[in-house]
Structure formats: structure tokens, C-alpha cells
C-alpha atoms as a PDB file:
ATOM      1  CA  MET A   1     262.232 183.791-117.834  1.00  0.00           C
ATOM      2  CA  SER A   2     261.903 182.423-121.347  1.00  0.00           C
ATOM      3  CA  GLN A   3     263.083 184.055-124.542  1.00  0.00           C
ATOM      4  CA  ILE A   4     261.932 183.933-128.138  1.00  0.00           C
ATOM      5  CA  THR A   5     264.119 185.151-130.995  1.00  0.00           C
ATOM      6  CA  VAL A   6     262.908 185.172-134.589  1.00  0.00           C
ATOM      7  CA  THR A   7     264.878 186.501-137.565  1.00  0.00           C
ATOM      8  CA  ARG A   8     263.672 187.152-141.101  1.00  0.00           C
ATOM      9  CA  THR A   9     265.634 188.310-144.113  1.00  0.00           C
ATOM     10  CA  HIS A  10     263.989 190.857-146.369  1.00  0.00           C
ATOM     11  CA  ASP A  11     264.521 192.788-149.574  1.00  0.00           C
ATOM     12  CA  LEU A  12     262.405 195.805-148.646  1.00  0.00           C
ATOM     13  CA  PRO A  13     263.715 199.335-149.119  1.00  0.00           C
ATOM     14  CA  PRO A  14     264.438 201.068-145.785  1.00  0.00           C
ATOM     15  CA  LYS A  15     261.212 203.119-145.666  1.00  0.00           C
ATOM     16  CA  LYS A  16     259.014 200.105-146.464  1.00  0.00           C
ATOM     17  CA  ALA A  17     260.898 197.949-143.965  1.00  0.00           C
ATOM     18  CA  ARG A  18     260.369 200.550-141.235  1.00  0.00           C
ATOM     19  CA  LEU A  19     256.672 200.744-142.124  1.00  0.00           C
ATOM     20  CA  ALA A  20     256.442 196.942-141.922  1.00  0.00           C
ATOM     21  CA  VAL A  21     258.052 197.033-138.462  1.00  0.00           C
ATOM     22  CA  GLU A  22     255.533 199.678-137.375  1.00  0.00           C
ATOM     23  CA  GLN A  23     252.708 197.450-138.635  1.00  0.00           C
ATOM     24  CA  VAL A  24     254.055 194.453-136.697  1.00  0.00           C
ATOM     25  CA  ALA A  25     254.260 196.612-133.562  1.00  0.00           C
ATOM     26  CA  ALA A  26     250.719 197.926-134.087  1.00  0.00           C
ATOM     27  CA  ASP A  27     249.469 194.341-134.517  1.00  0.00           C
ATOM     28  CA  LEU A  28     251.213 193.282-131.301  1.00  0.00           C
ATOM     29  CA  LYS A  29     249.748 196.291-129.496  1.00  0.00           C
ATOM     30  CA  SER A  30     246.200 195.537-130.606  1.00  0.00           C
ATOM     31  CA  GLU A  31     246.504 191.786-129.968  1.00  0.00           C
ATOM     32  CA  HIS A  32     248.518 191.841-126.742  1.00  0.00           C
ATOM     33  CA  GLY A  33     248.488 195.387-125.350  1.00  0.00           C
ATOM     34  CA  LEU A  34     252.184 196.065-125.955  1.00  0.00           C
ATOM     35  CA  ASP A  35     253.449 199.626-125.642  1.00  0.00           C
ATOM     36  CA  TYR A  36     256.235 200.423-128.078  1.00  0.00           C
ATOM     37  CA  ALA A  37     258.602 203.199-129.089  1.00  0.00           C
ATOM     38  CA  TRP A  38     261.672 203.572-131.268  1.00  0.00           C
ATOM     39  CA  ALA A  39     264.661 203.347-128.902  1.00  0.00           C
ATOM     40  CA  GLU A  40     267.078 204.044-131.761  1.00  0.00           C
ATOM     41  CA  ASP A  41     266.641 204.529-135.511  1.00  0.00           C
ATOM     42  CA  ASP A  42     266.733 200.796-136.040  1.00  0.00           C
ATOM     43  CA  VAL A  43     265.479 199.378-132.703  1.00  0.00           C
ATOM     44  CA  LEU A  44     261.829 199.309-131.682  1.00  0.00           C
ATOM     45  CA  ALA A  45     261.452 198.514-127.981  1.00  0.00           C
ATOM     46  CA  PHE A  46     258.204 197.210-126.529  1.00  0.00           C
ATOM     47  CA  LYS A  47     256.829 196.030-123.217  1.00  0.00           C
ATOM     48  CA  ARG A  48     253.830 195.156-121.108  1.00  0.00           C
ATOM     49  CA  PRO A  49     253.595 193.455-117.742  1.00  0.00           C
ATOM     50  CA  GLY A  50     255.335 190.083-118.004  1.00  0.00           C
ATOM     51  CA  LEU A  51     256.696 190.670-121.498  1.00  0.00           C
ATOM     52  CA  SER A  52     259.371 192.874-123.041  1.00  0.00           C
ATOM     53  CA  GLY A  53     261.573 192.891-126.066  1.00  0.00           C
ATOM     54  CA  GLN A  54     262.862 194.641-129.103  1.00  0.00           C
ATOM     55  CA  LEU A  55     262.630 194.445-132.836  1.00  0.00           C
ATOM     56  CA  THR A  56     265.868 195.307-134.620  1.00  0.00           C
ATOM     57  CA  LEU A  57     265.733 196.388-138.237  1.00  0.00           C
ATOM     58  CA  ALA A  58     268.838 195.911-140.350  1.00  0.00           C
ATOM     59  CA  ARG A  59     269.308 196.561-144.056  1.00  0.00           C
ATOM     60  CA  LYS A  60     268.416 193.010-145.122  1.00  0.00           C
ATOM     61  CA  GLU A  61     267.192 191.467-141.872  1.00  0.00           C
ATOM     62  CA  VAL A  62     264.697 191.956-139.060  1.00  0.00           C
ATOM     63  CA  THR A  63     265.106 190.289-135.659  1.00  0.00           C
ATOM     64  CA  LEU A  64     262.522 190.145-132.903  1.00  0.00           C
ATOM     65  CA  HIS A  65     263.753 189.247-129.422  1.00  0.00           C
ATOM     66  CA  LEU A  66     261.093 188.684-126.769  1.00  0.00           C
ATOM     67  CA  ARG A  67     261.438 187.987-123.039  1.00  0.00           C
ATOM     68  CA  LEU A  68     258.487 186.338-121.292  1.00  0.00           C
ATOM     69  CA  GLY A  69     257.766 186.463-117.590  1.00  0.00           C
ATOM     70  CA  LEU A  70     256.667 183.388-115.657  1.00  0.00           C
ATOM     71  CA  LEU A  71     252.935 183.992-116.101  1.00  0.00           C
ATOM     72  CA  LEU A  72     253.248 183.997-119.895  1.00  0.00           C
ATOM     73  CA  LEU A  73     255.355 180.843-120.160  1.00  0.00           C
ATOM     74  CA  PRO A  74     252.308 178.661-120.932  1.00  0.00           C
ATOM     75  CA  LEU A  75     251.590 180.928-123.946  1.00  0.00           C
ATOM     76  CA  ARG A  76     255.138 180.729-125.344  1.00  0.00           C
ATOM     77  CA  SER A  77     254.343 178.481-128.312  1.00  0.00           C
ATOM     78  CA  LEU A  78     251.202 180.481-129.199  1.00  0.00           C
ATOM     79  CA  LEU A  79     253.133 183.758-129.075  1.00  0.00           C
ATOM     80  CA  GLU A  80     255.958 182.300-131.139  1.00  0.00           C
ATOM     81  CA  ARG A  81     253.515 181.125-133.840  1.00  0.00           C
ATOM     82  CA  GLU A  82     251.896 184.566-133.934  1.00  0.00           C
ATOM     83  CA  ILE A  83     255.277 186.269-134.227  1.00  0.00           C
ATOM     84  CA  HIS A  84     256.229 184.018-137.147  1.00  0.00           C
ATOM     85  CA  SER A  85     252.877 184.778-138.778  1.00  0.00           C
ATOM     86  CA  PHE A  86     253.199 188.567-138.289  1.00  0.00           C
ATOM     87  CA  LEU A  87     256.724 188.613-139.713  1.00  0.00           C
ATOM     88  CA  ASP A  88     255.789 186.338-142.617  1.00  0.00           C
ATOM     89  CA  GLN A  89     252.840 188.597-143.499  1.00  0.00           C
ATOM     90  CA  ARG A  90     254.854 191.819-143.285  1.00  0.00           C
ATOM     91  CA  PHE A  91     258.185 190.676-144.735  1.00  0.00           C
ATOM     92  CA  GLY A  92     257.072 187.701-146.833  1.00  0.00           C
ATOM     93  CA  VAL A  93     260.289 185.711-146.840  1.00  0.00           C
ATOM     94  CA  SER A  94     261.521 182.532-145.223  1.00  0.00           C
ATOM     95  CA  ALA A  95     263.079 182.047-141.786  1.00  0.00           C
ATOM     96  CA  ASP A  96     266.809 181.718-141.276  1.00  0.00           C
END
């Protein structure tokens, strides 16, 4: 199993940050068929066969942690690029 972790800092107010997280999740659902739900106020959990993870929203930071099954390993770099792109579009700041 392979893992991808991407963190972005942000200056968004809490409501806008939560909306941005929802938009990232909706993008991932439409692009990759991920089901998602808020596990806690600040943790969005998602999964599909061969892939699971969570997006954690903090006051000034968002972290996406993704676990890939064996069948998705060849797509790791593509998925990682898309994740960076989604987070850059929604949060618009540089990587840590």
C-alpha cells in the first residue's frame, strides 16, 4: 500500500475553508468516484475500492492523506499531481 500526504497552508476564514474542502471532495468524487462524509467537524473521510483517506482542516492548514491499494499504484504520480492542483486551485497558496 502506498500513501500520499499533501499539506497546504491557508488564510481562509473557517466557513470558506470548509467550503473549499467540500469543493475538493466534490471534484474527487466526480473525477474518481470517491464517496465522502464528514467524520468529525474538521475531518472529511473518503473512500472507494482501492483508495481511502481523509482531509483534515485546521485553522491555517489543510492536509490530505491518501492510501492507495495495489491496483492504483501505477496511478500514484497522476493522483498526486491532481491533488496538488485541486488544493492549489481551492486554497491558492504554496506547499509546505
